[in-house]
Amino acid sequence: RMGYLFENMEKMDIQLERRLRKEAEEKAEEKVKEAEEKAEKKVKEAEEKAKIMIENARKAVEQAEQKTIKKVEEASIQFYIEALQDASYNFETAFDLLKKKFGLDDEKAEQLMQRYWTQKFEHL
């Protein structure tokens, strides 16, 4: 009866099957290696993009800090000029004190004095 089971079976070339299996394994290994290389490339690209994004964020924070510092300095100067005026200092004395206090040159000090010095106490 066993002979009947294998009667219509095609002959098999074991050496050919082994070679074909080995070729299939090699192709699969190549595909895995290609996929790993592709994945590594994508990771490197993502890392580069992340570095660029971090650098851009750092620059944005730095710019925001600089803007904030400038606004605080401007507000401090405005307050200082107004305080000098409220304390009845004359324009020239306030101008000199402003330059000394904030280390300003004549041109910048003049601009700030013109911007923030008001004439409200001139009549007293």
PDB file of N, CA and C in Angstrom:
ATOM      1  N   ARG A   1       0.800  -1.191   0.000  1.00  0.00           N
ATOM      2  CA  ARG A   1       0.000   0.000   0.000  1.00  0.00           C
ATOM      3  C   ARG A   1       0.846   1.261   0.000  1.00  0.00           C
ATOM      4  N   MET A   2       1.990   1.265   0.670  1.00  0.00           N
ATOM      5  CA  MET A   2       2.838   2.436   0.710  1.00  0.00           C
ATOM      6  C   MET A   2       3.338   2.774  -0.685  1.00  0.00           C
ATOM      7  N   GLY A   3       3.628   1.848  -1.442  1.00  0.00           N
ATOM      8  CA  GLY A   3       4.096   2.079  -2.794  1.00  0.00           C
ATOM      9  C   GLY A   3       3.071   2.850  -3.602  1.00  0.00           C
ATOM     10  N   TYR A   4       1.799   2.565  -3.363  1.00  0.00           N
ATOM     11  CA  TYR A   4       0.730   3.241  -4.068  1.00  0.00           C
ATOM     12  C   TYR A   4       0.718   4.739  -3.733  1.00  0.00           C
ATOM     13  N   LEU A   5       1.030   5.110  -2.509  1.00  0.00           N
ATOM     14  CA  LEU A   5       1.049   6.514  -2.098  1.00  0.00           C
ATOM     15  C   LEU A   5       2.090   7.317  -2.866  1.00  0.00           C
ATOM     16  N   PHE A   6       3.212   6.720  -3.141  1.00  0.00           N
ATOM     17  CA  PHE A   6       4.307   7.436  -3.792  1.00  0.00           C
ATOM     18  C   PHE A   6       4.402   7.148  -5.286  1.00  0.00           C
ATOM     19  N   GLU A   7       3.451   6.436  -5.807  1.00  0.00           N
ATOM     20  CA  GLU A   7       3.471   6.003  -7.192  1.00  0.00           C
ATOM     21  C   GLU A   7       3.474   7.183  -8.178  1.00  0.00           C
ATOM     22  N   ASN A   8       2.671   8.193  -7.956  1.00  0.00           N
ATOM     23  CA  ASN A   8       2.557   9.325  -8.873  1.00  0.00           C
ATOM     24  C   ASN A   8       3.441  10.505  -8.476  1.00  0.00           C
ATOM     25  N   MET A   9       4.276  10.310  -7.519  1.00  0.00           N
ATOM     26  CA  MET A   9       5.127  11.391  -7.043  1.00  0.00           C
ATOM     27  C   MET A   9       6.263  11.641  -8.013  1.00  0.00           C
ATOM     28  N   GLU A  10       6.518  12.970  -8.256  1.00  0.00           N
ATOM     29  CA  GLU A  10       7.613  13.323  -9.141  1.00  0.00           C
ATOM     30  C   GLU A  10       8.922  13.120  -8.420  1.00  0.00           C
ATOM     31  N   LYS A  11       9.924  12.822  -9.182  1.00  0.00           N
ATOM     32  CA  LYS A  11      11.235  12.645  -8.579  1.00  0.00           C
ATOM     33  C   LYS A  11      11.763  14.008  -8.171  1.00  0.00           C
ATOM     34  N   MET A  12      12.488  13.996  -7.100  1.00  0.00           N
ATOM     35  CA  MET A  12      12.991  15.237  -6.549  1.00  0.00           C
ATOM     36  C   MET A  12      14.504  15.226  -6.578  1.00  0.00           C
ATOM     37  N   ASP A  13      15.042  16.381  -7.042  1.00  0.00           N
ATOM     38  CA  ASP A  13      16.498  16.533  -7.061  1.00  0.00           C
ATOM     39  C   ASP A  13      16.883  17.252  -5.777  1.00  0.00           C
ATOM     40  N   ILE A  14      17.380  16.519  -4.811  1.00  0.00           N
ATOM     41  CA  ILE A  14      17.721  17.070  -3.489  1.00  0.00           C
ATOM     42  C   ILE A  14      18.784  18.158  -3.627  1.00  0.00           C
ATOM     43  N   GLN A  15      19.776  17.937  -4.448  1.00  0.00           N
ATOM     44  CA  GLN A  15      20.839  18.932  -4.626  1.00  0.00           C
ATOM     45  C   GLN A  15      20.277  20.240  -5.178  1.00  0.00           C
ATOM     46  N   LEU A  16      19.368  20.130  -6.140  1.00  0.00           N
ATOM     47  CA  LEU A  16      18.738  21.321  -6.715  1.00  0.00           C
ATOM     48  C   LEU A  16      17.912  22.053  -5.658  1.00  0.00           C
ATOM     49  N   GLU A  17      17.153  21.305  -4.878  1.00  0.00           N
ATOM     50  CA  GLU A  17      16.330  21.914  -3.828  1.00  0.00           C
ATOM     51  C   GLU A  17      17.211  22.630  -2.800  1.00  0.00           C
ATOM     52  N   ARG A  18      18.316  22.019  -2.445  1.00  0.00           N
ATOM     53  CA  ARG A  18      19.231  22.660  -1.490  1.00  0.00           C
ATOM     54  C   ARG A  18      19.795  23.957  -2.072  1.00  0.00           C
ATOM     55  N   ARG A  19      20.203  23.888  -3.349  1.00  0.00           N
ATOM     56  CA  ARG A  19      20.754  25.077  -4.000  1.00  0.00           C
ATOM     57  C   ARG A  19      19.697  26.192  -4.085  1.00  0.00           C
ATOM     58  N   LEU A  20      18.477  25.826  -4.457  1.00  0.00           N
ATOM     59  CA  LEU A  20      17.404  26.810  -4.546  1.00  0.00           C
ATOM     60  C   LEU A  20      17.085  27.422  -3.178  1.00  0.00           C
ATOM     61  N   ARG A  21      17.077  26.589  -2.142  1.00  0.00           N
ATOM     62  CA  ARG A  21      16.824  27.092  -0.790  1.00  0.00           C
ATOM     63  C   ARG A  21      17.928  28.034  -0.359  1.00  0.00           C
ATOM     64  N   LYS A  22      19.184  27.670  -0.679  1.00  0.00           N
ATOM     65  CA  LYS A  22      20.317  28.522  -0.327  1.00  0.00           C
ATOM     66  C   LYS A  22      20.233  29.859  -1.068  1.00  0.00           C
ATOM     67  N   GLU A  23      19.877  29.832  -2.352  1.00  0.00           N
ATOM     68  CA  GLU A  23      19.724  31.067  -3.122  1.00  0.00           C
ATOM     69  C   GLU A  23      18.615  31.937  -2.539  1.00  0.00           C
ATOM     70  N   ALA A  24      17.519  31.308  -2.138  1.00  0.00           N
ATOM     71  CA  ALA A  24      16.395  32.043  -1.550  1.00  0.00           C
ATOM     72  C   ALA A  24      16.815  32.683  -0.225  1.00  0.00           C
ATOM     73  N   GLU A  25      17.584  31.957   0.575  1.00  0.00           N
ATOM     74  CA  GLU A  25      18.082  32.496   1.844  1.00  0.00           C
ATOM     75  C   GLU A  25      19.026  33.679   1.594  1.00  0.00           C
ATOM     76  N   GLU A  26      19.888  33.547   0.589  1.00  0.00           N
ATOM     77  CA  GLU A  26      20.814  34.630   0.269  1.00  0.00           C
ATOM     78  C   GLU A  26      20.054  35.877  -0.195  1.00  0.00           C
ATOM     79  N   LYS A  27      19.019  35.673  -1.042  1.00  0.00           N
ATOM     80  CA  LYS A  27      18.207  36.804  -1.488  1.00  0.00           C
ATOM     81  C   LYS A  27      17.501  37.457  -0.304  1.00  0.00           C
ATOM     82  N   ALA A  28      16.991  36.629   0.594  1.00  0.00           N
ATOM     83  CA  ALA A  28      16.306  37.170   1.769  1.00  0.00           C
ATOM     84  C   ALA A  28      17.285  37.954   2.639  1.00  0.00           C
ATOM     85  N   GLU A  29      18.495  37.439   2.807  1.00  0.00           N
ATOM     86  CA  GLU A  29      19.513  38.148   3.587  1.00  0.00           C
ATOM     87  C   GLU A  29      19.872  39.481   2.924  1.00  0.00           C
ATOM     88  N   GLU A  30      19.979  39.484   1.594  1.00  0.00           N
ATOM     89  CA  GLU A  30      20.269  40.724   0.867  1.00  0.00           C
ATOM     90  C   GLU A  30      19.158  41.746   1.082  1.00  0.00           C
ATOM     91  N   LYS A  31      17.907  41.267   1.015  1.00  0.00           N
ATOM     92  CA  LYS A  31      16.782  42.175   1.226  1.00  0.00           C
ATOM     93  C   LYS A  31      16.780  42.722   2.653  1.00  0.00           C
ATOM     94  N   VAL A  32      17.105  41.883   3.611  1.00  0.00           N
ATOM     95  CA  VAL A  32      17.181  42.338   5.007  1.00  0.00           C
ATOM     96  C   VAL A  32      18.289  43.376   5.150  1.00  0.00           C
ATOM     97  N   LYS A  33      19.433  43.096   4.542  1.00  0.00           N
ATOM     98  CA  LYS A  33      20.559  44.037   4.610  1.00  0.00           C
ATOM     99  C   LYS A  33      20.185  45.362   3.949  1.00  0.00           C
ATOM    100  N   GLU A  34      19.536  45.307   2.786  1.00  0.00           N
ATOM    101  CA  GLU A  34      19.098  46.527   2.108  1.00  0.00           C
ATOM    102  C   GLU A  34      18.115  47.301   2.978  1.00  0.00           C
ATOM    103  N   ALA A  35      17.194  46.589   3.611  1.00  0.00           N
ATOM    104  CA  ALA A  35      16.210  47.244   4.481  1.00  0.00           C
ATOM    105  C   ALA A  35      16.902  47.893   5.680  1.00  0.00           C
ATOM    106  N   GLU A  36      17.898  47.202   6.243  1.00  0.00           N
ATOM    107  CA  GLU A  36      18.644  47.771   7.371  1.00  0.00           C
ATOM    108  C   GLU A  36      19.396  49.028   6.950  1.00  0.00           C
ATOM    109  N   GLU A  37      20.035  48.977   5.777  1.00  0.00           N
ATOM    110  CA  GLU A  37      20.759  50.143   5.269  1.00  0.00           C
ATOM    111  C   GLU A  37      19.804  51.307   5.016  1.00  0.00           C
ATOM    112  N   LYS A  38      18.646  50.996   4.464  1.00  0.00           N
ATOM    113  CA  LYS A  38      17.642  52.031   4.204  1.00  0.00           C
ATOM    114  C   LYS A  38      17.156  52.629   5.526  1.00  0.00           C
ATOM    115  N   ALA A  39      16.950  51.781   6.493  1.00  0.00           N
ATOM    116  CA  ALA A  39      16.500  52.253   7.805  1.00  0.00           C
ATOM    117  C   ALA A  39      17.576  53.129   8.459  1.00  0.00           C
ATOM    118  N   GLU A  40      18.833  52.709   8.362  1.00  0.00           N
ATOM    119  CA  GLU A  40      19.932  53.515   8.912  1.00  0.00           C
ATOM    120  C   GLU A  40      19.997  54.878   8.242  1.00  0.00           C
ATOM    121  N   LYS A  41      19.809  54.897   6.921  1.00  0.00           N
ATOM    122  CA  LYS A  41      19.826  56.156   6.184  1.00  0.00           C
ATOM    123  C   LYS A  41      18.689  57.061   6.656  1.00  0.00           C
ATOM    124  N   LYS A  42      17.505  56.493   6.847  1.00  0.00           N
ATOM    125  CA  LYS A  42      16.365  57.273   7.318  1.00  0.00           C
ATOM    126  C   LYS A  42      16.614  57.809   8.723  1.00  0.00           C
ATOM    127  N   VAL A  43      17.229  57.004   9.571  1.00  0.00           N
ATOM    128  CA  VAL A  43      17.541  57.441  10.935  1.00  0.00           C
ATOM    129  C   VAL A  43      18.519  58.608  10.894  1.00  0.00           C
ATOM    130  N   LYS A  44      19.554  58.489  10.061  1.00  0.00           N
ATOM    131  CA  LYS A  44      20.531  59.579   9.945  1.00  0.00           C
ATOM    132  C   LYS A  44      19.874  60.851   9.432  1.00  0.00           C
ATOM    133  N   GLU A  45      18.999  60.710   8.431  1.00  0.00           N
ATOM    134  CA  GLU A  45      18.281  61.873   7.907  1.00  0.00           C
ATOM    135  C   GLU A  45      17.422  62.512   9.000  1.00  0.00           C
ATOM    136  N   ALA A  46      16.744  61.669   9.770  1.00  0.00           N
ATOM    137  CA  ALA A  46      15.902  62.177  10.856  1.00  0.00           C
ATOM    138  C   ALA A  46      16.747  62.879  11.919  1.00  0.00           C
ATOM    139  N   GLU A  47      17.910  62.312  12.220  1.00  0.00           N
ATOM    140  CA  GLU A  47      18.805  62.942  13.192  1.00  0.00           C
ATOM    141  C   GLU A  47      19.271  64.303  12.696  1.00  0.00           C
ATOM    142  N   GLU A  48      19.611  64.392  11.412  1.00  0.00           N
ATOM    143  CA  GLU A  48      20.040  65.668  10.843  1.00  0.00           C
ATOM    144  C   GLU A  48      18.919  66.694  10.895  1.00  0.00           C
ATOM    145  N   LYS A  49      17.706  66.263  10.543  1.00  0.00           N
ATOM    146  CA  LYS A  49      16.558  67.168  10.612  1.00  0.00           C
ATOM    147  C   LYS A  49      16.326  67.622  12.049  1.00  0.00           C
ATOM    148  N   ALA A  50      16.468  66.705  12.987  1.00  0.00           N
ATOM    149  CA  ALA A  50      16.275  67.050  14.398  1.00  0.00           C
ATOM    150  C   ALA A  50      17.333  68.057  14.851  1.00  0.00           C
ATOM    151  N   LYS A  51      18.576  67.862  14.416  1.00  0.00           N
ATOM    152  CA  LYS A  51      19.633  68.813  14.776  1.00  0.00           C
ATOM    153  C   LYS A  51      19.313  70.203  14.228  1.00  0.00           C
ATOM    154  N   ILE A  52      18.848  70.252  12.986  1.00  0.00           N
ATOM    155  CA  ILE A  52      18.497  71.536  12.372  1.00  0.00           C
ATOM    156  C   ILE A  52      17.345  72.184  13.134  1.00  0.00           C
ATOM    157  N   MET A  53      16.349  71.391  13.483  1.00  0.00           N
ATOM    158  CA  MET A  53      15.202  71.927  14.215  1.00  0.00           C
ATOM    159  C   MET A  53      15.622  72.439  15.592  1.00  0.00           C
ATOM    160  N   ILE A  54      16.499  71.706  16.255  1.00  0.00           N
ATOM    161  CA  ILE A  54      16.982  72.132  17.571  1.00  0.00           C
ATOM    162  C   ILE A  54      17.757  73.432  17.441  1.00  0.00           C
ATOM    163  N   GLU A  55      18.605  73.524  16.427  1.00  0.00           N
ATOM    164  CA  GLU A  55      19.384  74.746  16.212  1.00  0.00           C
ATOM    165  C   GLU A  55      18.464  75.923  15.907  1.00  0.00           C
ATOM    166  N   ASN A  56      17.453  75.693  15.077  1.00  0.00           N
ATOM    167  CA  ASN A  56      16.489  76.755  14.767  1.00  0.00           C
ATOM    168  C   ASN A  56      15.731  77.195  16.017  1.00  0.00           C
ATOM    169  N   ALA A  57      15.357  76.235  16.837  1.00  0.00           N
ATOM    170  CA  ALA A  57      14.654  76.556  18.087  1.00  0.00           C
ATOM    171  C   ALA A  57      15.566  77.351  19.019  1.00  0.00           C
ATOM    172  N   ARG A  58      16.836  76.952  19.094  1.00  0.00           N
ATOM    173  CA  ARG A  58      17.794  77.660  19.941  1.00  0.00           C
ATOM    174  C   ARG A  58      17.948  79.106  19.474  1.00  0.00           C
ATOM    175  N   LYS A  59      18.029  79.284  18.150  1.00  0.00           N
ATOM    176  CA  LYS A  59      18.148  80.632  17.599  1.00  0.00           C
ATOM    177  C   LYS A  59      16.901  81.457  17.890  1.00  0.00           C
ATOM    178  N   ALA A  60      15.736  80.829  17.776  1.00  0.00           N
ATOM    179  CA  ALA A  60      14.482  81.540  18.045  1.00  0.00           C
ATOM    180  C   ALA A  60      14.411  81.974  19.505  1.00  0.00           C
ATOM    181  N   VAL A  61      14.838  81.092  20.395  1.00  0.00           N
ATOM    182  CA  VAL A  61      14.853  81.437  21.819  1.00  0.00           C
ATOM    183  C   VAL A  61      15.832  82.575  22.073  1.00  0.00           C
ATOM    184  N   GLU A  62      16.988  82.490  21.460  1.00  0.00           N
ATOM    185  CA  GLU A  62      17.998  83.543  21.612  1.00  0.00           C
ATOM    186  C   GLU A  62      17.476  84.881  21.106  1.00  0.00           C
ATOM    187  N   GLN A  63      16.810  84.875  19.958  1.00  0.00           N
ATOM    188  CA  GLN A  63      16.243  86.110  19.408  1.00  0.00           C
ATOM    189  C   GLN A  63      15.160  86.667  20.333  1.00  0.00           C
ATOM    190  N   ALA A  64      14.334  85.776  20.861  1.00  0.00           N
ATOM    191  CA  ALA A  64      13.282  86.217  21.779  1.00  0.00           C
ATOM    192  C   ALA A  64      13.889  86.825  23.042  1.00  0.00           C
ATOM    193  N   GLU A  65      14.959  86.193  23.536  1.00  0.00           N
ATOM    194  CA  GLU A  65      15.645  86.734  24.710  1.00  0.00           C
ATOM    195  C   GLU A  65      16.216  88.113  24.418  1.00  0.00           C
ATOM    196  N   GLN A  66      16.825  88.269  23.247  1.00  0.00           N
ATOM    197  CA  GLN A  66      17.401  89.569  22.880  1.00  0.00           C
ATOM    198  C   GLN A  66      16.318  90.639  22.772  1.00  0.00           C
ATOM    199  N   LYS A  67      15.178  90.284  22.176  1.00  0.00           N
ATOM    200  CA  LYS A  67      14.072  91.238  22.069  1.00  0.00           C
ATOM    201  C   LYS A  67      13.577  91.626  23.458  1.00  0.00           C
ATOM    202  N   THR A  68      13.468  90.644  24.332  1.00  0.00           N
ATOM    203  CA  THR A  68      13.003  90.917  25.688  1.00  0.00           C
ATOM    204  C   THR A  68      13.986  91.812  26.425  1.00  0.00           C
ATOM    205  N   ILE A  69      15.260  91.528  26.273  1.00  0.00           N
ATOM    206  CA  ILE A  69      16.294  92.349  26.920  1.00  0.00           C
ATOM    207  C   ILE A  69      16.216  93.783  26.413  1.00  0.00           C
ATOM    208  N   LYS A  70      16.053  93.939  25.099  1.00  0.00           N
ATOM    209  CA  LYS A  70      15.959  95.288  24.529  1.00  0.00           C
ATOM    210  C   LYS A  70      14.729  96.021  25.056  1.00  0.00           C
ATOM    211  N   LYS A  71      13.608  95.306  25.159  1.00  0.00           N
ATOM    212  CA  LYS A  71      12.397  95.940  25.672  1.00  0.00           C
ATOM    213  C   LYS A  71      12.573  96.351  27.133  1.00  0.00           C
ATOM    214  N   VAL A  72      13.206  95.499  27.912  1.00  0.00           N
ATOM    215  CA  VAL A  72      13.443  95.816  29.326  1.00  0.00           C
ATOM    216  C   VAL A  72      14.398  97.004  29.439  1.00  0.00           C
ATOM    217  N   GLU A  73      15.451  97.001  28.639  1.00  0.00           N
ATOM    218  CA  GLU A  73      16.393  98.132  28.659  1.00  0.00           C
ATOM    219  C   GLU A  73      15.685  99.426  28.269  1.00  0.00           C
ATOM    220  N   GLU A  74      14.873  99.359  27.237  1.00  0.00           N
ATOM    221  CA  GLU A  74      14.141 100.546  26.779  1.00  0.00           C
ATOM    222  C   GLU A  74      13.198 101.041  27.878  1.00  0.00           C
ATOM    223  N   ALA A  75      12.485 100.124  28.520  1.00  0.00           N
ATOM    224  CA  ALA A  75      11.572 100.503  29.598  1.00  0.00           C
ATOM    225  C   ALA A  75      12.345 101.094  30.773  1.00  0.00           C
ATOM    226  N   SER A  76      13.510 100.537  31.063  1.00  0.00           N
ATOM    227  CA  SER A  76      14.346 101.055  32.154  1.00  0.00           C
ATOM    228  C   SER A  76      14.817 102.470  31.846  1.00  0.00           C
ATOM    229  N   ILE A  77      15.224 102.684  30.619  1.00  0.00           N
ATOM    230  CA  ILE A  77      15.682 104.015  30.208  1.00  0.00           C
ATOM    231  C   ILE A  77      14.535 105.015  30.281  1.00  0.00           C
ATOM    232  N   GLN A  78      13.377 104.598  29.796  1.00  0.00           N
ATOM    233  CA  GLN A  78      12.213 105.482  29.848  1.00  0.00           C
ATOM    234  C   GLN A  78      11.893 105.843  31.303  1.00  0.00           C
ATOM    235  N   PHE A  79      11.866 104.850  32.168  1.00  0.00           N
ATOM    236  CA  PHE A  79      11.583 105.097  33.578  1.00  0.00           C
ATOM    237  C   PHE A  79      12.638 106.021  34.186  1.00  0.00           C
ATOM    238  N   TYR A  80      13.895 105.795  33.851  1.00  0.00           N
ATOM    239  CA  TYR A  80      14.989 106.603  34.394  1.00  0.00           C
ATOM    240  C   TYR A  80      14.848 108.066  33.960  1.00  0.00           C
ATOM    241  N   ILE A  81      14.564 108.275  32.683  1.00  0.00           N
ATOM    242  CA  ILE A  81      14.400 109.647  32.180  1.00  0.00           C
ATOM    243  C   ILE A  81      13.215 110.323  32.866  1.00  0.00           C
ATOM    244  N   GLU A  82      12.111 109.608  32.966  1.00  0.00           N
ATOM    245  CA  GLU A  82      10.933 110.181  33.617  1.00  0.00           C
ATOM    246  C   GLU A  82      11.197 110.467  35.090  1.00  0.00           C
ATOM    247  N   ALA A  83      11.953 109.587  35.748  1.00  0.00           N
ATOM    248  CA  ALA A  83      12.279 109.808  37.162  1.00  0.00           C
ATOM    249  C   ALA A  83      13.169 111.041  37.325  1.00  0.00           C
ATOM    250  N   LEU A  84      14.135 111.204  36.431  1.00  0.00           N
ATOM    251  CA  LEU A  84      14.987 112.397  36.488  1.00  0.00           C
ATOM    252  C   LEU A  84      14.161 113.660  36.281  1.00  0.00           C
ATOM    253  N   GLN A  85      13.238 113.575  35.360  1.00  0.00           N
ATOM    254  CA  GLN A  85      12.395 114.737  35.099  1.00  0.00           C
ATOM    255  C   GLN A  85      11.479 115.007  36.299  1.00  0.00           C
ATOM    256  N   ASP A  86      10.926 113.946  36.872  1.00  0.00           N
ATOM    257  CA  ASP A  86      10.067 114.109  38.053  1.00  0.00           C
ATOM    258  C   ASP A  86      10.854 114.687  39.224  1.00  0.00           C
ATOM    259  N   ALA A  87      12.150 114.374  39.271  1.00  0.00           N
ATOM    260  CA  ALA A  87      13.007 114.892  40.343  1.00  0.00           C
ATOM    261  C   ALA A  87      13.504 116.303  40.015  1.00  0.00           C
ATOM    262  N   SER A  88      12.978 116.892  38.964  1.00  0.00           N
ATOM    263  CA  SER A  88      13.264 118.273  38.557  1.00  0.00           C
ATOM    264  C   SER A  88      14.683 118.507  38.056  1.00  0.00           C
ATOM    265  N   TYR A  89      15.304 117.493  37.516  1.00  0.00           N
ATOM    266  CA  TYR A  89      16.593 117.698  36.858  1.00  0.00           C
ATOM    267  C   TYR A  89      16.345 118.422  35.545  1.00  0.00           C
ATOM    268  N   ASN A  90      17.290 119.265  35.141  1.00  0.00           N
ATOM    269  CA  ASN A  90      17.131 119.905  33.839  1.00  0.00           C
ATOM    270  C   ASN A  90      17.571 118.937  32.739  1.00  0.00           C
ATOM    271  N   PHE A  91      17.231 119.259  31.508  1.00  0.00           N
ATOM    272  CA  PHE A  91      17.482 118.386  30.365  1.00  0.00           C
ATOM    273  C   PHE A  91      18.953 118.011  30.244  1.00  0.00           C
ATOM    274  N   GLU A  92      19.852 118.987  30.358  1.00  0.00           N
ATOM    275  CA  GLU A  92      21.286 118.738  30.171  1.00  0.00           C
ATOM    276  C   GLU A  92      21.849 117.814  31.244  1.00  0.00           C
ATOM    277  N   THR A  93      21.459 118.045  32.487  1.00  0.00           N
ATOM    278  CA  THR A  93      21.938 117.186  33.580  1.00  0.00           C
ATOM    279  C   THR A  93      21.392 115.774  33.405  1.00  0.00           C
ATOM    280  N   ALA A  94      20.118 115.662  33.079  1.00  0.00           N
ATOM    281  CA  ALA A  94      19.515 114.344  32.863  1.00  0.00           C
ATOM    282  C   ALA A  94      20.197 113.625  31.694  1.00  0.00           C
ATOM    283  N   PHE A  95      20.514 114.391  30.662  1.00  0.00           N
ATOM    284  CA  PHE A  95      21.203 113.841  29.491  1.00  0.00           C
ATOM    285  C   PHE A  95      22.546 113.242  29.916  1.00  0.00           C
ATOM    286  N   ASP A  96      23.316 113.982  30.690  1.00  0.00           N
ATOM    287  CA  ASP A  96      24.626 113.501  31.154  1.00  0.00           C
ATOM    288  C   ASP A  96      24.492 112.284  32.062  1.00  0.00           C
ATOM    289  N   LEU A  97      23.520 112.323  32.965  1.00  0.00           N
ATOM    290  CA  LEU A  97      23.307 111.175  33.864  1.00  0.00           C
ATOM    291  C   LEU A  97      22.885 109.929  33.081  1.00  0.00           C
ATOM    292  N   LEU A  98      22.041 110.121  32.092  1.00  0.00           N
ATOM    293  CA  LEU A  98      21.593 108.998  31.254  1.00  0.00           C
ATOM    294  C   LEU A  98      22.768 108.356  30.529  1.00  0.00           C
ATOM    295  N   LYS A  99      23.623 109.175  29.919  1.00  0.00           N
ATOM    296  CA  LYS A  99      24.792 108.644  29.207  1.00  0.00           C
ATOM    297  C   LYS A  99      25.675 107.843  30.153  1.00  0.00           C
ATOM    298  N   LYS A 100      25.900 108.405  31.332  1.00  0.00           N
ATOM    299  CA  LYS A 100      26.794 107.753  32.294  1.00  0.00           C
ATOM    300  C   LYS A 100      26.177 106.455  32.814  1.00  0.00           C
ATOM    301  N   LYS A 101      24.908 106.504  33.186  1.00  0.00           N
ATOM    302  CA  LYS A 101      24.231 105.344  33.779  1.00  0.00           C
ATOM    303  C   LYS A 101      24.152 104.161  32.814  1.00  0.00           C
ATOM    304  N   PHE A 102      23.854 104.436  31.537  1.00  0.00           N
ATOM    305  CA  PHE A 102      23.633 103.353  30.577  1.00  0.00           C
ATOM    306  C   PHE A 102      24.758 103.202  29.557  1.00  0.00           C
ATOM    307  N   GLY A 103      25.814 103.990  29.701  1.00  0.00           N
ATOM    308  CA  GLY A 103      26.959 103.872  28.795  1.00  0.00           C
ATOM    309  C   GLY A 103      26.612 104.172  27.347  1.00  0.00           C
ATOM    310  N   LEU A 104      25.815 105.216  27.142  1.00  0.00           N
ATOM    311  CA  LEU A 104      25.342 105.551  25.797  1.00  0.00           C
ATOM    312  C   LEU A 104      26.214 106.618  25.160  1.00  0.00           C
ATOM    313  N   ASP A 105      26.255 106.603  23.831  1.00  0.00           N
ATOM    314  CA  ASP A 105      26.934 107.696  23.130  1.00  0.00           C
ATOM    315  C   ASP A 105      25.961 108.873  22.999  1.00  0.00           C
ATOM    316  N   ASP A 106      26.478 110.014  22.584  1.00  0.00           N
ATOM    317  CA  ASP A 106      25.661 111.232  22.510  1.00  0.00           C
ATOM    318  C   ASP A 106      24.439 111.053  21.612  1.00  0.00           C
ATOM    319  N   GLU A 107      24.627 110.425  20.463  1.00  0.00           N
ATOM    320  CA  GLU A 107      23.531 110.285  19.495  1.00  0.00           C
ATOM    321  C   GLU A 107      22.386 109.447  20.068  1.00  0.00           C
ATOM    322  N   LYS A 108      22.720 108.295  20.645  1.00  0.00           N
ATOM    323  CA  LYS A 108      21.687 107.413  21.200  1.00  0.00           C
ATOM    324  C   LYS A 108      20.998 108.072  22.390  1.00  0.00           C
ATOM    325  N   ALA A 109      21.788 108.715  23.241  1.00  0.00           N
ATOM    326  CA  ALA A 109      21.214 109.395  24.403  1.00  0.00           C
ATOM    327  C   ALA A 109      20.266 110.503  23.959  1.00  0.00           C
ATOM    328  N   GLU A 110      20.656 111.235  22.928  1.00  0.00           N
ATOM    329  CA  GLU A 110      19.817 112.323  22.407  1.00  0.00           C
ATOM    330  C   GLU A 110      18.492 111.775  21.882  1.00  0.00           C
ATOM    331  N   GLN A 111      18.551 110.672  21.152  1.00  0.00           N
ATOM    332  CA  GLN A 111      17.328 110.061  20.625  1.00  0.00           C
ATOM    333  C   GLN A 111      16.381 109.654  21.756  1.00  0.00           C
ATOM    334  N   LEU A 112      16.953 109.028  22.780  1.00  0.00           N
ATOM    335  CA  LEU A 112      16.133 108.562  23.895  1.00  0.00           C
ATOM    336  C   LEU A 112      15.560 109.727  24.689  1.00  0.00           C
ATOM    337  N   MET A 113      16.361 110.750  24.900  1.00  0.00           N
ATOM    338  CA  MET A 113      15.877 111.919  25.639  1.00  0.00           C
ATOM    339  C   MET A 113      14.723 112.580  24.870  1.00  0.00           C
ATOM    340  N   GLN A 114      14.875 112.700  23.570  1.00  0.00           N
ATOM    341  CA  GLN A 114      13.809 113.307  22.774  1.00  0.00           C
ATOM    342  C   GLN A 114      12.542 112.460  22.811  1.00  0.00           C
ATOM    343  N   ARG A 115      12.714 111.158  22.859  1.00  0.00           N
ATOM    344  CA  ARG A 115      11.557 110.261  22.863  1.00  0.00           C
ATOM    345  C   ARG A 115      10.801 110.318  24.195  1.00  0.00           C
ATOM    346  N   TYR A 116      11.533 110.380  25.322  1.00  0.00           N
ATOM    347  CA  TYR A 116      10.893 110.220  26.622  1.00  0.00           C
ATOM    348  C   TYR A 116      10.836 111.482  27.495  1.00  0.00           C
ATOM    349  N   TRP A 117      11.598 112.483  27.165  1.00  0.00           N
ATOM    350  CA  TRP A 117      11.572 113.712  27.960  1.00  0.00           C
ATOM    351  C   TRP A 117      10.331 114.499  27.571  1.00  0.00           C
ATOM    352  N   THR A 118       9.535 114.810  28.536  1.00  0.00           N
ATOM    353  CA  THR A 118       8.334 115.602  28.270  1.00  0.00           C
ATOM    354  C   THR A 118       8.527 116.989  28.852  1.00  0.00           C
ATOM    355  N   GLN A 119       7.734 117.911  28.427  1.00  0.00           N
ATOM    356  CA  GLN A 119       7.879 119.302  28.849  1.00  0.00           C
ATOM    357  C   GLN A 119       6.957 119.639  30.020  1.00  0.00           C
ATOM    358  N   LYS A 120       6.402 118.634  30.714  1.00  0.00           N
ATOM    359  CA  LYS A 120       5.385 118.892  31.725  1.00  0.00           C
ATOM    360  C   LYS A 120       5.877 119.708  32.916  1.00  0.00           C
ATOM    361  N   PHE A 121       7.188 119.649  33.238  1.00  0.00           N
ATOM    362  CA  PHE A 121       7.682 120.379  34.390  1.00  0.00           C
ATOM    363  C   PHE A 121       8.451 121.640  34.017  1.00  0.00           C
ATOM    364  N   GLU A 122       8.529 121.945  32.772  1.00  0.00           N
ATOM    365  CA  GLU A 122       9.298 123.104  32.325  1.00  0.00           C
ATOM    366  C   GLU A 122       8.720 124.419  32.851  1.00  0.00           C
ATOM    367  N   HIS A 123       7.402 124.439  33.063  1.00  0.00           N
ATOM    368  CA  HIS A 123       6.795 125.693  33.506  1.00  0.00           C
ATOM    369  C   HIS A 123       6.955 125.940  35.002  1.00  0.00           C
ATOM    370  N   LEU A 124       7.399 124.990  35.775  1.00  0.00           N
ATOM    371  CA  LEU A 124       7.538 125.182  37.224  1.00  0.00           C
ATOM    372  C   LEU A 124       8.731 125.975  37.531  1.00  0.00           C
TER     373      LEU A 124
END
